[in-house]
Amino acid sequence: MKRRSHYCGQVGKNDIDQTVRLCGWVSRARDHGGVIFIDLFDYTGLVQIVAHPEMNDFSLIERLTTHSVLCVEGLVQSRPEGTENKNLSSGSVEVAIQKVTWHNTAQALGYDVNDPKVTEAVRASNRVLDIRSDTMQKSLRFRAKMMAAMRSYLDHDQFLEVETPILTRPTPEGARDYIVPSRVHPGHAFALPQSPQQFKQMLMMAAIDRYYQFARCFRDEDLRADRQPEFTQLDIEMSFMSADEVCAWAEGLMKHVVQEMLDVALPTFPVMSYDDALLYHGTDAPNLANPVKFIPLDSVLKGCDFQVFSQPANDEGGRVAAIKLAGGCEKLSRKDLDGYTKQVMALGAKGLAYLKINDLSDLRAGISSPILKFLDDDTLKNLVNELQVEVGDVVFFGAGENRLVNLTLHALAKQLATDFDLFEPGLHFIWIRDFPMFERVDGTLHAVHHPFTAPEEDYQDLTQAKAQAYDLVLNGYELGGGSIRIADTKLQQEVFSLLGIDEAHAQQEFGHLLHTLTQGTPIHGGLAFGIDRVCMVLQGLDSIREVIAFPKTQTASCALTKAPGLVDDIQWQELSLKFKKVKSGG
């Protein structure tokens, strides 16, 4: 006999007067004068089952605890008039229990798994229970269906799924590697891959033509809400493709996924240059849903007497910009202004200058601001014209080093949009293009993407060249990015040299790639999408941990299994290593 004939959420009017067998967990039980009503659930939903005192196993039902596991057999019947639950797919019926098997008793939980007030710490340490919640069930099934939609699209487009090694060499990709010491090669170690970058390039050299993989990747870096030390990315590479062609293909993939998952048809994705993204949004991952944008003011303020503005406006590495909150005079209290000032100062700013536009007929009398006395009439008039303010607006300024202004004003623009519900609904995709090949940090060149990125074909000076790179951003989150790769050994060695990797070091670390480049390399490129992040943003969630079954905490540990764990001395000895024990602080 089948143990289960129906799933809980699938029982409905069509099953009335039929005997069904259900298996699931107890959500709650209610004793109504001897008759016990039980909400039984599985991943499809829940159904109400009813136990009467005359049934043989009623003594079992009386001892039920929340989340105990039951299998029941019973007759489907209509709920009494007035007791239907329109919020449930099974809300018009109930199941009168005839037989019950009590599989497992759950200890008292002490909380409701569907209560949004339950802290993340409690959820993390009771992750199995947390996954039973409606939110996690929905999220994990959304993720699986999304990946299936991606795989179907790729398979249909003649891509070949190839697995690449997990144990590999360290890679210079900007984050620390997770190191795996080798037992059979004392003093040597593998690294867990930050990405399959070099392997997918070599697959193109091996005439695979179109490759993909749902790759597990590992980065030992500081964590944020949208990052994890181990994560999944959809890794893609294609031969004989230009940057425009790769972007067009990837855009088609994302449109397919959104149509399948959300039933939304997307328009063509806009394109923005890297320079414009920083100029108007202060970030290379702009959120087009936020109407609060930067207003560049360098040209207006270069000649003003207020050095707090004029000095960075004239400095090649500095800038002055503003953001405007329409109607802010009525919306913002003094406490709000103090709070925003503290926010930007916590990020490194010295303060927060602002103008409150009360009247435009007399600028000197109609504008209130702590910095008003430092601005002459011409500067004030030029500012008002450039800002295009209206009565009631509040304008905030950022002045100083480029990075700091971008960081603080971007954070403030995001906070204003959050506080005053300014974000426009919908999915706002955008391609970011025209990245520089390199950026200089403390006098040293670093690759903006990675050292395998090809420059634009018409470059004159490689150090000033634009890269054939592209990032896809959705609502302020970088979903993924990629580039056309270097396909010439000489150019690859030149890039290594600019990055301070001499020929001997390059041969030691990348000799396999440099050698393969001499064996007939096609023009090739690709990109990778962060599966966890895509799933998070499409569902409108705030944390990447909501889309991963067993995530790590912000301390890169597992609250459930208590990983990472201690390794005993024998294992360290087998690896030819000694572990220096650190005394815990007291």
Protein backbone atom coordinates (compact mmCIF):
# COMPACT_ATOMS: atom_id res chain seq x y z
CA MET A 1 0.00 0.00 0.00
CA LYS A 2 1.24 3.49 -0.83
CA ARG A 3 2.18 5.39 2.29
CA ARG A 4 1.09 8.71 0.73
CA SER A 5 -1.61 9.30 -1.87
CA HIS A 6 -1.68 13.13 -1.74
CA TYR A 7 0.48 16.02 -0.62
CA CYS A 8 -1.10 18.20 2.07
CA GLY A 9 -1.50 21.33 -0.01
CA GLN A 10 -3.03 19.38 -2.92
CA VAL A 11 -6.15 18.09 -1.15
CA GLY A 12 -9.22 19.95 -2.40
CA LYS A 13 -12.89 19.84 -3.39
CA ASN A 14 -12.26 17.22 -6.06
CA ASP A 15 -11.22 14.77 -3.33
CA ILE A 16 -14.41 15.03 -1.21
CA ASP A 17 -15.71 11.60 -0.11
CA GLN A 18 -12.37 9.99 -1.04
CA THR A 19 -9.96 8.31 1.35
CA VAL A 20 -6.50 9.90 1.28
CA ARG A 21 -3.19 9.11 2.91
CA LEU A 22 -1.08 12.08 4.01
CA CYS A 23 2.36 12.46 5.55
CA GLY A 24 3.76 15.57 7.15
CA TRP A 25 4.53 17.65 10.19
CA VAL A 26 2.19 19.09 12.79
CA SER A 27 1.97 22.88 12.50
CA ARG A 28 -0.44 23.21 15.42
CA ALA A 29 -3.18 21.28 17.22
CA ARG A 30 -6.35 22.67 18.78
CA ASP A 31 -8.62 20.80 21.21
CA HIS A 32 -12.24 21.88 20.75
CA GLY A 33 -14.17 20.04 23.44
CA GLY A 34 -12.60 16.66 22.78
CA VAL A 35 -12.41 16.99 19.00
CA ILE A 36 -8.83 17.82 17.99
CA PHE A 37 -8.09 19.86 14.88
CA ILE A 38 -4.58 19.55 13.47
CA ASP A 39 -2.83 21.57 10.77
CA LEU A 40 -0.64 19.06 8.93
CA PHE A 41 1.95 20.48 6.53
CA ASP A 42 4.54 19.49 3.97
CA TYR A 43 6.32 21.58 1.34
CA THR A 44 3.12 22.03 -0.72
CA GLY A 45 1.16 23.67 2.11
CA LEU A 46 -1.08 22.49 4.89
CA VAL A 47 -4.45 20.85 5.37
CA GLN A 48 -6.70 20.60 8.38
CA ILE A 49 -7.21 17.09 9.75
CA VAL A 50 -9.74 16.18 12.43
CA ALA A 51 -9.48 13.55 15.17
CA HIS A 52 -12.61 12.38 17.03
CA PRO A 53 -12.48 10.72 20.48
CA GLU A 54 -13.98 7.45 19.21
CA MET A 55 -11.06 6.68 16.87
CA ASN A 56 -8.67 3.93 18.02
CA ASP A 57 -5.51 6.05 18.09
CA PHE A 58 -6.99 9.12 19.77
CA SER A 59 -4.61 8.76 22.76
CA LEU A 60 -1.71 9.34 20.37
CA ILE A 61 -3.31 12.47 18.97
CA GLU A 62 -3.78 13.88 22.46
CA ARG A 63 -0.01 13.77 23.04
CA LEU A 64 0.99 15.53 19.83
CA THR A 65 3.70 18.20 19.89
CA THR A 66 4.38 20.82 17.24
CA HIS A 67 6.49 19.49 14.34
CA SER A 68 5.91 15.85 15.24
CA VAL A 69 5.80 13.65 12.13
CA LEU A 70 2.55 11.89 11.24
CA CYS A 71 1.12 9.72 8.51
CA VAL A 72 -2.66 9.61 8.49
CA GLU A 73 -5.43 7.98 6.51
CA GLY A 74 -8.82 9.62 6.42
CA LEU A 75 -11.91 10.75 4.55
CA VAL A 76 -11.98 14.13 2.82
CA GLN A 77 -15.07 16.15 3.68
CA SER A 78 -16.27 19.73 3.27
CA ARG A 79 -15.57 22.07 6.13
CA PRO A 80 -18.69 23.25 7.96
CA GLU A 81 -20.11 26.43 6.46
CA GLY A 82 -18.38 29.51 7.84
CA THR A 83 -15.15 27.71 8.80
CA GLU A 84 -13.48 27.73 5.37
CA ASN A 85 -10.01 29.26 5.07
CA LYS A 86 -9.72 31.17 1.80
CA ASN A 87 -5.98 31.71 2.36
CA LEU A 88 -5.30 27.97 1.89
CA SER A 89 -5.53 25.95 -1.31
CA SER A 90 -7.03 23.18 0.86
CA GLY A 91 -9.12 25.60 2.92
CA SER A 92 -12.51 24.33 1.75
CA VAL A 93 -11.98 20.78 3.05
CA GLU A 94 -10.73 18.81 6.01
CA VAL A 95 -9.70 15.20 6.51
CA ALA A 96 -11.42 13.07 9.17
CA ILE A 97 -8.72 10.75 10.49
CA GLN A 98 -9.39 7.00 10.41
CA LYS A 99 -5.85 5.71 11.01
CA VAL A 100 -2.67 7.40 12.23
CA THR A 101 1.01 6.45 12.43
CA TRP A 102 3.09 8.59 14.73
CA HIS A 103 6.61 8.46 13.28
CA ASN A 104 8.57 10.85 15.39
CA THR A 105 8.00 13.20 18.32
CA ALA A 106 9.49 16.67 18.19
CA GLN A 107 10.79 18.39 21.29
CA ALA A 108 9.12 21.68 22.18
CA LEU A 109 10.50 24.33 19.82
CA GLY A 110 9.77 27.39 21.87
CA TYR A 111 8.99 29.47 18.78
CA ASP A 112 7.05 29.47 15.51
CA VAL A 113 9.29 28.81 12.50
CA ASN A 114 7.17 31.21 10.42
CA ASP A 115 7.43 34.07 12.93
CA PRO A 116 9.44 36.87 11.23
CA LYS A 117 10.54 38.17 14.63
CA VAL A 118 12.70 35.10 15.32
CA THR A 119 16.33 36.25 15.42
CA GLU A 120 18.81 35.16 12.80
CA ALA A 121 21.01 33.57 15.47
CA VAL A 122 18.15 31.28 16.56
CA ARG A 123 17.33 30.48 12.93
CA ALA A 124 20.96 29.68 12.10
CA SER A 125 21.49 27.31 15.03
CA ASN A 126 18.19 25.55 14.25
CA ARG A 127 18.59 25.58 10.48
CA VAL A 128 16.72 22.33 9.83
CA LEU A 129 13.66 23.78 11.53
CA ASP A 130 14.20 27.07 9.72
CA ILE A 131 14.16 25.33 6.34
CA ARG A 132 10.68 24.02 7.21
CA SER A 133 9.42 27.61 7.23
CA ASP A 134 7.27 28.84 4.37
CA THR A 135 9.88 31.44 3.39
CA MET A 136 12.82 29.03 3.15
CA GLN A 137 10.77 26.35 1.36
CA LYS A 138 9.72 28.92 -1.22
CA SER A 139 13.24 30.32 -1.57
CA LEU A 140 15.03 27.00 -2.05
CA ARG A 141 12.46 25.79 -4.57
CA PHE A 142 12.71 29.10 -6.41
CA ARG A 143 16.48 28.62 -6.58
CA ALA A 144 16.20 25.07 -7.94
CA LYS A 145 13.66 26.08 -10.58
CA MET A 146 15.77 29.08 -11.58
CA MET A 147 18.86 26.93 -12.07
CA ALA A 148 16.82 24.44 -14.10
CA ALA A 149 15.64 27.30 -16.34
CA MET A 150 19.24 28.40 -16.84
CA ARG A 151 20.43 24.88 -17.61
CA SER A 152 17.63 24.36 -20.13
CA TYR A 153 18.52 27.61 -21.92
CA LEU A 154 22.21 26.67 -22.04
CA ASP A 155 21.64 23.11 -23.20
CA HIS A 156 19.32 24.31 -25.95
CA ASP A 157 22.01 26.76 -27.11
CA GLN A 158 24.63 24.02 -27.57
CA PHE A 159 26.64 24.69 -24.41
CA LEU A 160 28.57 21.78 -22.91
CA GLU A 161 28.57 21.33 -19.13
CA VAL A 162 32.11 20.54 -17.95
CA GLU A 163 33.32 20.17 -14.37
CA THR A 164 36.66 21.72 -13.46
CA PRO A 165 38.91 20.88 -10.48
CA ILE A 166 38.15 21.92 -6.92
CA LEU A 167 41.74 21.31 -5.78
CA THR A 168 43.90 23.70 -7.80
CA ARG A 169 46.60 26.39 -7.57
CA PRO A 170 46.24 29.74 -5.82
CA THR A 171 44.96 32.54 -8.09
CA PRO A 172 45.53 36.31 -7.92
CA GLU A 173 41.88 37.35 -7.90
CA GLY A 174 41.84 39.93 -5.12
CA ALA A 175 40.66 37.76 -2.22
CA ARG A 176 42.45 35.28 0.00
CA ASP A 177 42.41 31.63 -0.98
CA TYR A 178 41.27 28.75 1.19
CA ILE A 179 44.38 26.58 1.39
CA VAL A 180 44.35 22.76 1.53
CA PRO A 181 47.74 21.34 2.62
CA SER A 182 48.87 18.27 0.70
CA ARG A 183 49.73 15.10 2.66
CA VAL A 184 51.62 13.41 -0.20
CA HIS A 185 53.54 16.57 -1.17
CA PRO A 186 54.90 17.96 2.12
CA GLY A 187 55.24 21.72 2.11
CA HIS A 188 52.84 22.08 -0.81
CA ALA A 189 49.16 23.00 -0.82
CA PHE A 190 46.15 23.17 -3.04
CA ALA A 191 43.80 26.14 -3.10
CA LEU A 192 40.04 25.93 -3.39
CA PRO A 193 39.08 27.86 -6.54
CA GLN A 194 37.92 31.45 -6.34
CA SER A 195 36.60 30.80 -9.84
CA PRO A 196 37.32 28.33 -12.69
CA GLN A 197 38.77 31.21 -14.74
CA GLN A 198 41.92 29.62 -16.14
CA PHE A 199 40.30 26.23 -16.71
CA LYS A 200 37.40 27.65 -18.71
CA GLN A 201 39.85 29.62 -20.86
CA MET A 202 41.83 26.46 -21.52
CA LEU A 203 38.59 24.67 -22.46
CA MET A 204 38.12 27.27 -25.20
CA MET A 205 41.68 26.57 -26.35
CA ALA A 206 40.69 22.88 -26.35
CA ALA A 207 37.90 23.56 -28.90
CA ILE A 208 34.99 23.01 -26.50
CA ASP A 209 33.54 26.21 -28.06
CA ARG A 210 30.73 26.79 -25.53
CA TYR A 211 31.12 25.78 -21.89
CA TYR A 212 29.12 26.20 -18.71
CA GLN A 213 29.25 24.97 -15.14
CA PHE A 214 27.42 25.64 -11.91
CA ALA A 215 30.71 26.04 -10.10
CA ARG A 216 31.35 26.02 -6.38
CA CYS A 217 33.77 28.84 -5.53
CA PHE A 218 35.56 29.85 -2.36
CA ARG A 219 36.89 33.20 -1.12
CA ASP A 220 38.32 33.85 2.31
CA GLU A 221 37.14 37.45 2.66
CA ASP A 222 35.17 39.64 4.99
CA LEU A 223 31.47 38.88 4.73
CA ARG A 224 28.50 41.08 3.96
CA ALA A 225 24.80 40.39 3.51
CA ASP A 226 25.31 39.52 -0.18
CA ARG A 227 28.51 37.44 0.21
CA GLN A 228 29.50 34.01 1.51
CA PRO A 229 32.88 32.25 1.82
CA GLU A 230 31.56 29.47 -0.42
CA PHE A 231 29.09 30.22 -3.16
CA THR A 232 27.77 29.02 -6.51
CA GLN A 233 28.25 30.80 -9.80
CA LEU A 234 27.02 30.01 -13.27
CA ASP A 235 30.30 30.05 -15.16
CA ILE A 236 30.11 30.56 -18.94
CA GLU A 237 32.70 30.84 -21.73
CA MET A 238 32.33 31.14 -25.52
CA SER A 239 34.74 31.12 -28.46
CA PHE A 240 34.79 33.55 -31.39
CA MET A 241 32.58 36.10 -29.65
CA SER A 242 32.88 39.87 -29.24
CA ALA A 243 32.01 41.72 -26.03
CA ASP A 244 28.77 42.94 -27.62
CA GLU A 245 27.82 39.39 -28.59
CA VAL A 246 28.55 37.99 -25.12
CA CYS A 247 26.44 40.73 -23.50
CA ALA A 248 23.57 40.17 -25.96
CA TRP A 249 23.63 36.44 -25.26
CA ALA A 250 23.78 36.91 -21.46
CA GLU A 251 20.95 39.43 -21.65
CA GLY A 252 18.85 36.84 -23.46
CA LEU A 253 19.55 34.34 -20.69
CA MET A 254 18.47 36.73 -17.94
CA LYS A 255 15.32 37.73 -19.84
CA HIS A 256 14.47 34.03 -20.16
CA VAL A 257 15.02 33.44 -16.43
CA VAL A 258 12.88 36.42 -15.39
CA GLN A 259 10.12 35.38 -17.78
CA GLU A 260 10.15 31.82 -16.45
CA MET A 261 10.38 32.71 -12.77
CA LEU A 262 8.38 35.95 -12.50
CA ASP A 263 6.36 36.00 -15.73
CA VAL A 264 7.81 39.43 -16.54
CA ALA A 265 8.91 40.46 -20.04
CA LEU A 266 11.94 42.74 -19.84
CA PRO A 267 12.91 45.53 -22.26
CA THR A 268 16.42 45.90 -23.66
CA PHE A 269 18.94 46.54 -20.89
CA PRO A 270 20.47 50.05 -20.94
CA VAL A 271 24.24 50.51 -21.02
CA MET A 272 26.27 52.93 -18.89
CA SER A 273 29.99 53.60 -18.91
CA TYR A 274 32.06 52.95 -15.82
CA ASP A 275 33.00 56.64 -15.66
CA ASP A 276 29.36 57.78 -15.79
CA ALA A 277 28.36 55.24 -13.16
CA LEU A 278 30.87 56.76 -10.74
CA LEU A 279 30.05 60.33 -11.82
CA TYR A 280 26.30 60.10 -11.29
CA HIS A 281 25.94 57.26 -8.77
CA GLY A 282 29.28 56.99 -6.97
CA THR A 283 29.46 53.24 -7.61
CA ASP A 284 30.04 50.83 -10.49
CA ALA A 285 26.88 48.97 -9.40
CA PRO A 286 24.24 51.74 -9.63
CA ASN A 287 20.65 51.18 -8.56
CA LEU A 288 18.48 52.70 -11.28
CA ALA A 289 15.45 52.23 -9.02
CA ASN A 290 16.80 55.06 -6.85
CA PRO A 291 15.87 58.48 -8.29
CA VAL A 292 18.38 60.24 -6.01
CA LYS A 293 21.42 60.77 -8.25
CA PHE A 294 24.65 62.72 -7.99
CA ILE A 295 24.86 66.24 -9.44
CA PRO A 296 28.52 66.96 -10.39
CA LEU A 297 29.60 70.45 -9.28
CA ASP A 298 33.32 70.68 -10.01
CA SER A 299 32.92 73.13 -12.90
CA VAL A 300 30.65 75.41 -10.82
CA LEU A 301 32.82 75.50 -7.72
CA LYS A 302 36.40 75.65 -9.05
CA GLY A 303 36.56 79.42 -8.65
CA CYS A 304 34.64 79.87 -5.40
CA ASP A 305 36.32 81.25 -2.26
CA PHE A 306 35.15 78.38 -0.06
CA GLN A 307 38.22 76.11 -0.07
CA VAL A 308 36.29 73.13 1.27
CA PHE A 309 34.65 73.11 -2.18
CA SER A 310 37.20 74.79 -4.46
CA GLN A 311 40.19 72.67 -3.45
CA PRO A 312 38.72 69.24 -4.34
CA ALA A 313 36.98 70.77 -7.39
CA ASN A 314 40.43 71.68 -8.75
CA ASP A 315 42.17 68.50 -7.60
CA GLU A 316 42.51 65.70 -10.18
CA GLY A 317 41.83 63.13 -7.47
CA GLY A 318 38.98 65.04 -5.86
CA ARG A 319 35.44 66.06 -6.61
CA VAL A 320 32.42 67.98 -5.37
CA ALA A 321 28.94 66.58 -5.91
CA ALA A 322 25.47 66.94 -4.46
CA ILE A 323 22.28 64.96 -4.05
CA LYS A 324 18.84 66.51 -3.81
CA LEU A 325 15.83 65.46 -1.75
CA ALA A 326 12.68 66.98 -3.24
CA GLY A 327 10.42 68.39 -0.52
CA GLY A 328 13.06 67.67 2.09
CA CYS A 329 12.35 70.83 4.10
CA GLU A 330 9.05 69.35 5.30
CA LYS A 331 10.32 65.79 5.55
CA LEU A 332 13.54 66.32 7.51
CA SER A 333 13.82 67.27 11.16
CA ARG A 334 16.94 68.53 12.84
CA LYS A 335 17.32 65.07 14.35
CA ASP A 336 17.25 63.55 10.85
CA LEU A 337 19.96 65.93 9.64
CA ASP A 338 22.13 65.08 12.65
CA GLY A 339 21.59 61.38 11.97
CA TYR A 340 22.66 61.65 8.34
CA THR A 341 25.70 63.67 9.40
CA LYS A 342 26.74 60.92 11.81
CA GLN A 343 26.24 58.32 9.07
CA VAL A 344 28.61 59.97 6.59
CA MET A 345 31.13 60.79 9.32
CA ALA A 346 31.20 57.11 10.29
CA LEU A 347 32.29 56.43 6.70
CA GLY A 348 35.13 58.95 6.90
CA ALA A 349 33.59 62.32 5.98
CA LYS A 350 34.42 65.34 8.15
CA GLY A 351 30.82 66.50 8.14
CA LEU A 352 27.75 67.02 5.97
CA ALA A 353 27.06 70.34 4.29
CA TYR A 354 23.52 71.07 3.13
CA LEU A 355 21.21 73.78 1.80
CA LYS A 356 17.53 74.10 2.70
CA ILE A 357 15.66 75.92 -0.06
CA ASN A 358 12.88 77.94 1.59
CA ASP A 359 12.49 80.75 -0.96
CA LEU A 360 14.07 81.39 -4.37
CA SER A 361 13.08 85.03 -4.73
CA ASP A 362 15.81 86.12 -2.32
CA LEU A 363 18.61 83.55 -2.23
CA ARG A 364 20.50 85.01 0.70
CA ALA A 365 17.39 85.17 2.89
CA GLY A 366 15.56 82.22 1.39
CA ILE A 367 18.24 79.58 1.89
CA SER A 368 19.26 78.27 5.30
CA SER A 369 22.54 76.43 5.74
CA PRO A 370 25.57 76.30 8.07
CA ILE A 371 27.81 77.03 5.05
CA LEU A 372 25.75 79.90 3.61
CA LYS A 373 28.14 82.52 4.99
CA PHE A 374 31.04 80.97 3.05
CA LEU A 375 29.31 81.23 -0.33
CA ASP A 376 29.30 84.53 -2.25
CA ASP A 377 26.24 85.62 -4.21
CA ASP A 378 27.57 84.52 -7.60
CA THR A 379 28.48 81.07 -6.30
CA LEU A 380 25.09 80.72 -4.67
CA LYS A 381 23.31 81.76 -7.87
CA ASN A 382 25.40 79.35 -9.98
CA LEU A 383 24.69 76.52 -7.54
CA VAL A 384 20.95 77.10 -7.62
CA ASN A 385 20.97 77.10 -11.44
CA GLU A 386 23.10 73.96 -11.67
CA LEU A 387 21.11 72.08 -9.01
CA GLN A 388 17.75 73.08 -10.54
CA VAL A 389 16.23 73.24 -7.08
CA GLU A 390 12.67 74.09 -6.18
CA VAL A 391 11.26 75.60 -3.02
CA GLY A 392 11.17 72.95 -0.31
CA ASP A 393 14.18 70.97 -1.56
CA VAL A 394 17.16 70.02 0.59
CA VAL A 395 20.58 69.60 -1.04
CA PHE A 396 23.44 67.61 0.50
CA PHE A 397 27.08 68.04 -0.56
CA GLY A 398 30.07 65.77 -0.71
CA ALA A 399 33.52 67.31 -1.19
CA GLY A 400 36.94 65.73 -1.00
CA GLU A 401 38.81 62.75 -2.36
CA ASN A 402 36.95 60.89 -5.13
CA ARG A 403 36.59 57.59 -3.34
CA LEU A 404 35.33 59.14 -0.12
CA VAL A 405 32.78 61.40 -1.83
CA ASN A 406 31.48 58.49 -3.87
CA LEU A 407 31.24 56.24 -0.82
CA THR A 408 29.49 58.71 1.47
CA LEU A 409 27.05 60.27 -1.00
CA HIS A 410 26.12 56.87 -2.41
CA ALA A 411 25.35 55.60 1.10
CA LEU A 412 23.36 58.76 1.86
CA ALA A 413 21.38 58.54 -1.40
CA LYS A 414 20.48 54.94 -0.56
CA GLN A 415 19.46 55.89 2.97
CA LEU A 416 17.26 58.76 1.78
CA ALA A 417 15.52 56.51 -0.75
CA THR A 418 14.95 53.91 1.98
CA ASP A 419 13.71 56.36 4.60
CA PHE A 420 11.27 58.10 2.28
CA ASP A 421 10.21 55.13 0.15
CA LEU A 422 11.60 56.59 -3.07
CA PHE A 423 12.68 53.37 -4.79
CA GLU A 424 10.79 52.78 -8.01
CA PRO A 425 9.24 49.29 -8.31
CA GLY A 426 10.39 46.69 -10.78
CA LEU A 427 13.61 45.15 -12.06
CA HIS A 428 16.16 47.71 -13.20
CA PHE A 429 18.94 45.97 -15.15
CA ILE A 430 21.91 47.84 -16.57
CA TRP A 431 25.17 46.91 -18.26
CA ILE A 432 28.30 48.69 -17.05
CA ARG A 433 30.95 48.91 -19.79
CA ASP A 434 34.21 50.72 -20.61
CA PHE A 435 36.04 49.74 -17.44
CA PRO A 436 39.69 50.77 -17.20
CA MET A 437 42.16 47.92 -17.52
CA PHE A 438 44.00 49.02 -14.38
CA GLU A 439 43.59 51.18 -11.32
CA ARG A 440 46.41 52.64 -9.26
CA VAL A 441 46.31 52.00 -5.53
CA ASP A 442 49.10 53.55 -3.44
CA GLY A 443 51.18 53.93 -6.60
CA THR A 444 50.78 50.30 -7.71
CA LEU A 445 48.77 49.09 -10.69
CA HIS A 446 46.04 46.53 -10.06
CA ALA A 447 43.74 44.82 -12.57
CA VAL A 448 40.21 46.20 -12.25
CA HIS A 449 38.72 42.81 -13.21
CA HIS A 450 41.50 40.22 -13.45
CA PRO A 451 44.84 39.91 -15.30
CA PHE A 452 43.35 37.82 -18.14
CA THR A 453 41.09 40.64 -19.41
CA ALA A 454 41.77 41.88 -22.92
CA PRO A 455 42.10 45.62 -23.65
CA GLU A 456 40.09 47.42 -26.31
CA GLU A 457 41.67 46.70 -29.67
CA ASP A 458 42.57 50.34 -30.50
CA TYR A 459 44.53 51.12 -27.33
CA GLN A 460 47.72 53.20 -27.51
CA ASP A 461 48.97 52.97 -23.93
CA LEU A 462 48.11 49.74 -22.13
CA THR A 463 48.25 51.43 -18.71
CA GLN A 464 45.51 53.85 -19.84
CA ALA A 465 43.50 51.38 -21.92
CA LYS A 466 39.85 50.51 -21.51
CA ALA A 467 39.05 46.86 -20.93
CA GLN A 468 36.74 44.66 -22.97
CA ALA A 469 34.85 44.01 -19.75
CA TYR A 470 31.23 44.20 -18.68
CA ASP A 471 29.18 43.86 -15.50
CA LEU A 472 25.44 43.22 -15.28
CA VAL A 473 23.78 45.10 -12.41
CA LEU A 474 20.24 44.70 -11.08
CA ASN A 475 18.77 47.15 -8.56
CA GLY A 476 22.19 48.04 -7.22
CA TYR A 477 23.59 44.50 -7.06
CA GLU A 478 26.26 43.21 -9.41
CA LEU A 479 24.79 39.93 -10.63
CA GLY A 480 27.85 38.97 -12.61
CA GLY A 481 30.49 40.13 -14.98
CA GLY A 482 33.13 39.06 -17.41
CA SER A 483 35.30 40.05 -20.31
CA ILE A 484 36.92 39.10 -23.56
CA ARG A 485 40.14 37.32 -22.61
CA ILE A 486 43.72 37.87 -23.68
CA ALA A 487 44.47 35.40 -26.48
CA ASP A 488 48.09 36.38 -27.14
CA THR A 489 51.05 35.17 -25.07
CA LYS A 490 53.08 38.35 -25.55
CA LEU A 491 50.21 40.60 -24.44
CA GLN A 492 49.48 38.37 -21.44
CA GLN A 493 53.11 38.58 -20.35
CA GLU A 494 53.02 42.37 -20.77
CA VAL A 495 49.98 42.59 -18.48
CA PHE A 496 51.71 40.38 -15.90
CA SER A 497 54.75 42.65 -16.04
CA LEU A 498 52.66 45.80 -15.43
CA LEU A 499 51.15 44.08 -12.41
CA GLY A 500 54.59 43.39 -10.97
CA ILE A 501 54.64 39.70 -11.93
CA ASP A 502 58.08 39.08 -13.44
CA GLU A 503 58.74 36.44 -16.08
CA ALA A 504 60.01 33.82 -13.63
CA HIS A 505 57.02 34.29 -11.32
CA ALA A 506 54.65 34.24 -14.28
CA GLN A 507 56.09 30.93 -15.48
CA GLN A 508 55.84 29.48 -11.99
CA GLU A 509 52.21 30.52 -11.43
CA PHE A 510 50.80 30.63 -14.96
CA GLY A 511 53.21 28.60 -17.07
CA HIS A 512 50.44 26.15 -18.01
CA LEU A 513 48.26 28.97 -19.33
CA LEU A 514 51.06 30.78 -21.15
CA HIS A 515 52.11 27.55 -22.83
CA THR A 516 48.56 26.73 -23.86
CA LEU A 517 48.18 30.21 -25.37
CA THR A 518 50.89 29.24 -27.91
CA GLN A 519 48.93 26.20 -29.11
CA GLY A 520 46.22 27.92 -31.12
CA THR A 521 43.96 30.14 -29.05
CA PRO A 522 40.63 31.45 -30.35
CA ILE A 523 39.25 34.83 -29.43
CA HIS A 524 37.08 33.99 -26.47
CA GLY A 525 35.17 35.52 -23.60
CA GLY A 526 32.51 34.85 -21.05
CA LEU A 527 31.13 35.81 -17.72
CA ALA A 528 29.85 34.39 -14.46
CA PHE A 529 26.62 35.04 -12.59
CA GLY A 530 26.43 34.69 -8.81
CA ILE A 531 23.56 32.23 -8.46
CA ASP A 532 22.95 33.05 -4.80
CA ARG A 533 22.83 36.78 -5.48
CA VAL A 534 20.59 36.45 -8.55
CA CYS A 535 18.18 34.33 -6.54
CA MET A 536 18.23 36.82 -3.67
CA VAL A 537 17.54 39.90 -5.80
CA LEU A 538 14.83 38.31 -7.94
CA GLN A 539 12.94 37.33 -4.78
CA GLY A 540 13.37 40.77 -3.21
CA LEU A 541 15.30 39.39 -0.22
CA ASP A 542 17.86 41.31 1.82
CA SER A 543 20.38 38.58 2.65
CA ILE A 544 22.10 35.93 0.60
CA ARG A 545 21.71 33.56 3.54
CA GLU A 546 17.98 33.40 2.74
CA VAL A 547 18.64 31.48 -0.49
CA ILE A 548 21.27 29.00 0.76
CA ALA A 549 20.24 25.88 2.62
CA PHE A 550 23.16 25.82 5.03
CA PRO A 551 24.92 29.20 4.90
CA LYS A 552 27.84 30.48 6.92
CA THR A 553 27.40 33.29 9.43
CA GLN A 554 29.15 36.66 9.17
CA THR A 555 32.09 35.11 11.03
CA ALA A 556 32.47 32.48 8.26
CA SER A 557 31.31 29.69 10.56
CA CYS A 558 28.38 27.29 10.57
CA ALA A 559 26.10 27.80 13.56
CA LEU A 560 24.53 24.37 13.01
CA THR A 561 27.57 22.08 12.67
CA LYS A 562 30.00 24.42 14.49
CA ALA A 563 32.42 24.31 11.54
CA PRO A 564 35.27 25.04 11.25
CA GLY A 565 36.39 22.46 13.78
CA LEU A 566 39.63 21.66 15.53
CA VAL A 567 42.13 19.29 13.89
CA ASP A 568 43.99 16.85 16.11
CA ASP A 569 47.78 16.77 16.30
CA ILE A 570 48.06 13.51 14.33
CA GLN A 571 46.37 15.05 11.30
CA TRP A 572 48.63 18.10 11.47
CA GLN A 573 51.66 15.80 11.63
CA GLU A 574 50.47 13.84 8.59
CA LEU A 575 50.36 17.14 6.72
CA SER A 576 53.89 18.01 7.92
CA LEU A 577 52.45 21.01 9.75
CA LYS A 578 52.53 22.29 13.28
CA PHE A 579 49.60 24.23 14.63
CA LYS A 580 50.40 27.14 16.90
CA LYS A 581 47.78 27.16 19.61
CA VAL A 582 46.42 30.63 20.36
CA LYS A 583 45.33 31.45 23.89
CA SER A 584 41.74 32.64 24.04
CA GLY A 585 41.26 36.12 25.44
CA GLY A 586 39.84 36.48 28.92
